[in-house]
Amino acid sequence: MHASWHKALVNDCRVVLFDFDGILVDTEWAIYQAWCRCFEAEGCELPLSLYTRCIGSDFATWSPKSYLEELTGKSYDWTVLDAERQNEIVHELSDEGVMDGVHELIDTLRSQDLSLGVVSSSSHHWVDRWLAQLQIDRHFAHVVCRGDAPRIKPSPDLWLEAARRFAMPTTHCLAIEDSHNGLISAQEAGMPVWVVPNRVTSCLDFSAAQARFDSLHGIAERFKALAGGA
């Protein structure tokens, strides 16, 4: 996208809204690996190209549970398996820190007097616990999660609720995402979107995004270069 458009976007930006999983913390790889182990136990595979359909949303969009049942012809006690899988994920992530570039980007945005928020399809229990554990919760004026709006991504409701809480037109909010469901939902809400794919979502087509970056460092550098008419 043309540099002058990026400059206008940065100059108009008043609020930056972060997705959580895969943007602030690298949770998505551990979640995917836990699902892969579940499939492998049944002699099946879970291709990443299929699994990415539910990233940023929930299993109403696409369900690995239904897919495994279709492959095996079995039914499963998902209450038990979900608990076991969640324990695996929490254990694997026990020493996880923030994604590379998080602190630099937060410092850059705050130095430019921008307001920050989190918009996630995950639960408050999951997101709030992580933000507090990593001691970055104080940076976010609002955290909007599943249950705070009628529908989660790929619907625009969570983004619209975030804009309402900030009392800001959506065109002055920049969404930072890593999933296709997040991209289309934020754009449907009327927000420009910059994407930072991770090792789970890098295979997706993000050509509709206003910009694509390899890391959050790249976004920090872009703001430094373009803010204030630079």
Protein backbone atom coordinates (compact mmCIF):
# COMPACT_ATOMS: atom_id res chain seq x y z
CA MET A 1 0.00 0.00 0.00
CA HIS A 2 1.22 3.50 -0.83
CA ALA A 3 3.28 5.21 1.87
CA SER A 4 1.11 8.33 1.83
CA TRP A 5 -1.93 6.21 2.71
CA HIS A 6 -0.07 4.69 5.65
CA LYS A 7 0.92 8.16 6.82
CA ALA A 8 -2.71 9.32 6.72
CA LEU A 9 -3.82 6.20 8.59
CA VAL A 10 -1.26 6.72 11.37
CA ASN A 11 -2.06 10.42 11.64
CA ASP A 12 -5.81 9.66 11.93
CA CYS A 13 -5.30 6.85 14.45
CA ARG A 14 -6.48 7.53 18.00
CA VAL A 15 -6.98 3.99 19.30
CA VAL A 16 -5.01 0.80 18.62
CA LEU A 17 -6.87 -2.44 19.26
CA PHE A 18 -4.89 -5.65 19.67
CA ASP A 19 -6.18 -9.14 19.15
CA PHE A 20 -4.91 -11.34 21.99
CA ASP A 21 -4.08 -14.93 20.99
CA GLY A 22 -1.21 -14.95 18.53
CA ILE A 23 -0.62 -11.19 18.78
CA LEU A 24 0.18 -10.46 22.42
CA VAL A 25 1.00 -14.03 23.46
CA ASP A 26 1.95 -17.01 21.28
CA THR A 27 -0.84 -19.25 22.52
CA GLU A 28 -2.08 -20.49 19.16
CA TRP A 29 0.79 -22.88 18.43
CA ALA A 30 0.33 -24.68 21.76
CA ILE A 31 -3.42 -24.92 21.16
CA TYR A 32 -2.91 -26.32 17.66
CA GLN A 33 -0.31 -28.83 18.87
CA ALA A 34 -2.68 -30.05 21.57
CA TRP A 35 -5.33 -30.65 18.94
CA CYS A 36 -2.80 -32.46 16.73
CA ARG A 37 -2.02 -34.85 19.58
CA CYS A 38 -5.73 -35.48 20.04
CA PHE A 39 -6.04 -36.42 16.37
CA GLU A 40 -2.84 -38.50 16.37
CA ALA A 41 -4.18 -40.57 19.25
CA GLU A 42 -6.95 -41.64 16.88
CA GLY A 43 -4.61 -42.25 13.95
CA CYS A 44 -5.69 -39.08 12.17
CA GLU A 45 -4.11 -35.83 11.06
CA LEU A 46 -5.28 -32.25 11.52
CA PRO A 47 -3.99 -30.18 8.59
CA LEU A 48 -3.12 -26.61 9.49
CA SER A 49 -5.00 -25.44 6.40
CA LEU A 50 -8.23 -26.76 7.94
CA TYR A 51 -7.57 -25.78 11.53
CA THR A 52 -7.00 -22.12 10.63
CA ARG A 53 -10.70 -21.82 9.77
CA CYS A 54 -11.57 -21.55 13.47
CA ILE A 55 -8.66 -19.33 14.56
CA GLY A 56 -9.91 -16.01 15.86
CA SER A 57 -13.43 -17.36 16.21
CA ASP A 58 -14.91 -20.52 17.72
CA PHE A 59 -16.05 -23.97 16.67
CA ALA A 60 -19.29 -22.61 15.25
CA THR A 61 -17.14 -21.42 12.34
CA TRP A 62 -15.34 -24.75 11.92
CA SER A 63 -15.03 -27.51 14.49
CA PRO A 64 -12.09 -29.90 14.93
CA LYS A 65 -14.39 -31.92 17.16
CA SER A 66 -16.91 -32.50 14.38
CA TYR A 67 -14.09 -33.14 11.92
CA LEU A 68 -12.52 -35.85 14.10
CA GLU A 69 -15.90 -37.50 14.60
CA GLU A 70 -16.44 -37.49 10.83
CA LEU A 71 -13.02 -39.07 10.24
CA THR A 72 -13.40 -41.82 12.83
CA GLY A 73 -17.15 -42.37 12.92
CA LYS A 74 -16.94 -42.17 16.71
CA SER A 75 -18.43 -39.92 19.34
CA TYR A 76 -16.27 -38.62 22.18
CA ASP A 77 -16.67 -37.37 25.73
CA TRP A 78 -15.54 -33.87 24.89
CA THR A 79 -15.95 -32.64 28.46
CA VAL A 80 -13.16 -34.96 29.56
CA LEU A 81 -11.00 -34.45 26.47
CA ASP A 82 -11.39 -30.68 26.59
CA ALA A 83 -10.21 -30.61 30.21
CA GLU A 84 -7.21 -32.80 29.40
CA ARG A 85 -6.31 -30.69 26.38
CA GLN A 86 -6.65 -27.45 28.36
CA ASN A 87 -4.32 -28.79 31.04
CA GLU A 88 -1.76 -29.65 28.36
CA ILE A 89 -2.00 -26.16 26.90
CA VAL A 90 -1.65 -24.40 30.24
CA HIS A 91 1.36 -26.57 31.12
CA GLU A 92 3.06 -25.94 27.78
CA LEU A 93 2.51 -22.18 28.12
CA SER A 94 3.57 -21.99 31.77
CA ASP A 95 6.78 -20.13 30.95
CA GLU A 96 5.47 -18.21 27.94
CA GLY A 97 6.12 -14.48 27.74
CA VAL A 98 4.75 -11.82 25.45
CA MET A 99 5.26 -11.97 21.70
CA ASP A 100 8.42 -10.42 20.33
CA GLY A 101 7.99 -6.67 20.00
CA VAL A 102 5.04 -6.24 22.36
CA HIS A 103 6.81 -3.98 24.84
CA GLU A 104 8.45 -1.88 22.13
CA LEU A 105 5.15 -1.34 20.34
CA ILE A 106 3.23 -0.51 23.52
CA ASP A 107 5.91 2.02 24.50
CA THR A 108 5.87 3.56 21.02
CA LEU A 109 2.10 3.92 20.92
CA ARG A 110 1.85 5.32 24.44
CA SER A 111 4.59 7.84 23.67
CA GLN A 112 2.31 9.12 20.92
CA ASP A 113 -0.65 9.43 23.32
CA LEU A 114 -2.65 6.68 21.64
CA SER A 115 -5.23 4.69 23.60
CA LEU A 116 -4.86 0.91 23.63
CA GLY A 117 -7.36 -1.91 23.91
CA VAL A 118 -7.70 -5.65 23.45
CA VAL A 119 -10.41 -7.30 21.35
CA SER A 120 -10.59 -11.10 21.57
CA SER A 121 -13.00 -13.93 20.84
CA SER A 122 -11.55 -15.72 23.88
CA SER A 123 -13.04 -15.47 27.35
CA HIS A 124 -12.21 -12.81 29.94
CA HIS A 125 -11.01 -15.62 32.20
CA TRP A 126 -8.33 -16.54 29.64
CA VAL A 127 -7.37 -13.05 28.43
CA ASP A 128 -7.49 -11.13 31.72
CA ARG A 129 -5.43 -13.78 33.51
CA TRP A 130 -2.71 -13.61 30.87
CA LEU A 131 -2.62 -9.82 30.77
CA ALA A 132 -2.25 -9.66 34.55
CA GLN A 133 0.31 -12.49 34.69
CA LEU A 134 2.47 -10.75 32.08
CA GLN A 135 1.98 -7.37 33.80
CA ILE A 136 0.73 -5.59 30.70
CA ASP A 137 -2.91 -5.21 31.75
CA ARG A 138 -2.33 -1.63 32.94
CA HIS A 139 -1.62 -0.52 29.38
CA PHE A 140 -5.08 -1.37 28.04
CA ALA A 141 -7.96 0.97 28.82
CA HIS A 142 -10.56 -1.57 27.68
CA VAL A 143 -10.53 -5.32 27.14
CA VAL A 144 -13.44 -6.65 25.08
CA CYS A 145 -13.95 -10.42 25.00
CA ARG A 146 -16.48 -13.14 24.33
CA GLY A 147 -19.70 -12.23 26.12
CA ASP A 148 -19.21 -8.47 25.86
CA ALA A 149 -21.09 -8.34 22.54
CA PRO A 150 -23.75 -10.55 20.93
CA ARG A 151 -21.38 -12.27 18.48
CA ILE A 152 -17.66 -12.97 18.29
CA LYS A 153 -15.41 -12.78 15.26
CA PRO A 154 -15.89 -13.11 12.28
CA SER A 155 -18.83 -10.84 13.15
CA PRO A 156 -17.89 -7.20 13.78
CA ASP A 157 -19.67 -6.92 17.14
CA LEU A 158 -16.62 -7.07 19.44
CA TRP A 159 -14.82 -4.35 17.47
CA LEU A 160 -17.90 -2.16 17.46
CA GLU A 161 -18.24 -2.59 21.22
CA ALA A 162 -14.60 -1.58 21.67
CA ALA A 163 -15.11 1.55 19.58
CA ARG A 164 -18.21 2.37 21.64
CA ARG A 165 -16.27 2.06 24.89
CA PHE A 166 -13.57 4.39 23.59
CA ALA A 167 -16.24 6.75 22.21
CA MET A 168 -14.31 6.75 18.96
CA PRO A 169 -15.39 6.36 15.31
CA THR A 170 -14.19 3.04 13.95
CA THR A 171 -12.23 4.81 11.23
CA HIS A 172 -9.95 6.22 13.94
CA CYS A 173 -9.27 2.76 15.39
CA LEU A 174 -6.49 0.54 14.04
CA ALA A 175 -6.91 -3.21 14.50
CA ILE A 176 -3.87 -5.46 14.81
CA GLU A 177 -4.69 -9.04 13.91
CA ASP A 178 -3.19 -12.40 13.02
CA SER A 179 -6.22 -14.33 11.75
CA HIS A 180 -8.51 -14.17 8.75
CA ASN A 181 -11.59 -14.16 10.98
CA GLY A 182 -10.14 -11.18 12.84
CA LEU A 183 -9.27 -9.37 9.63
CA ILE A 184 -12.70 -9.61 8.06
CA SER A 185 -14.53 -8.81 11.29
CA ALA A 186 -12.53 -5.64 11.96
CA GLN A 187 -12.89 -4.49 8.37
CA GLU A 188 -16.63 -5.12 8.52
CA ALA A 189 -16.66 -2.85 11.58
CA GLY A 190 -15.06 -0.15 9.46
CA MET A 191 -11.53 -0.34 10.88
CA PRO A 192 -8.25 -0.46 9.00
CA VAL A 193 -6.33 -3.63 9.82
CA TRP A 194 -2.62 -4.38 10.02
CA VAL A 195 -1.80 -8.07 10.25
CA VAL A 196 1.13 -9.88 11.87
CA PRO A 197 0.84 -13.56 10.96
CA ASN A 198 2.39 -16.16 13.26
CA ARG A 199 3.56 -19.72 12.62
CA VAL A 200 -0.04 -20.96 12.68
CA THR A 201 -1.58 -18.29 10.44
CA SER A 202 1.28 -17.46 8.07
CA CYS A 203 -0.28 -19.72 5.42
CA LEU A 204 -3.40 -17.55 5.17
CA ASP A 205 -4.20 -14.97 2.52
CA PHE A 206 -4.05 -11.51 4.09
CA SER A 207 -4.04 -9.54 0.84
CA ALA A 208 -7.16 -7.63 1.97
CA ALA A 209 -5.34 -6.11 4.95
CA GLN A 210 -4.09 -2.53 4.83
CA ALA A 211 -0.60 -3.81 5.68
CA ARG A 212 1.22 -7.00 6.64
CA PHE A 213 4.22 -7.12 8.97
CA ASP A 214 6.62 -9.87 9.98
CA SER A 215 6.56 -8.81 13.64
CA LEU A 216 5.26 -6.18 16.03
CA HIS A 217 8.68 -4.54 15.78
CA GLY A 218 7.73 -3.63 12.23
CA ILE A 219 4.58 -1.86 13.36
CA ALA A 220 6.52 0.06 16.01
CA GLU A 221 9.02 1.20 13.41
CA ARG A 222 6.23 2.23 11.04
CA PHE A 223 4.61 4.39 13.73
CA LYS A 224 7.94 5.96 14.60
CA ALA A 225 8.59 6.77 10.96
CA LEU A 226 5.15 8.10 10.06
CA ALA A 227 3.71 9.70 13.19
CA GLY A 228 3.80 13.43 13.59
CA GLY A 229 4.21 14.09 9.92
CA ALA A 230 7.61 12.42 9.72
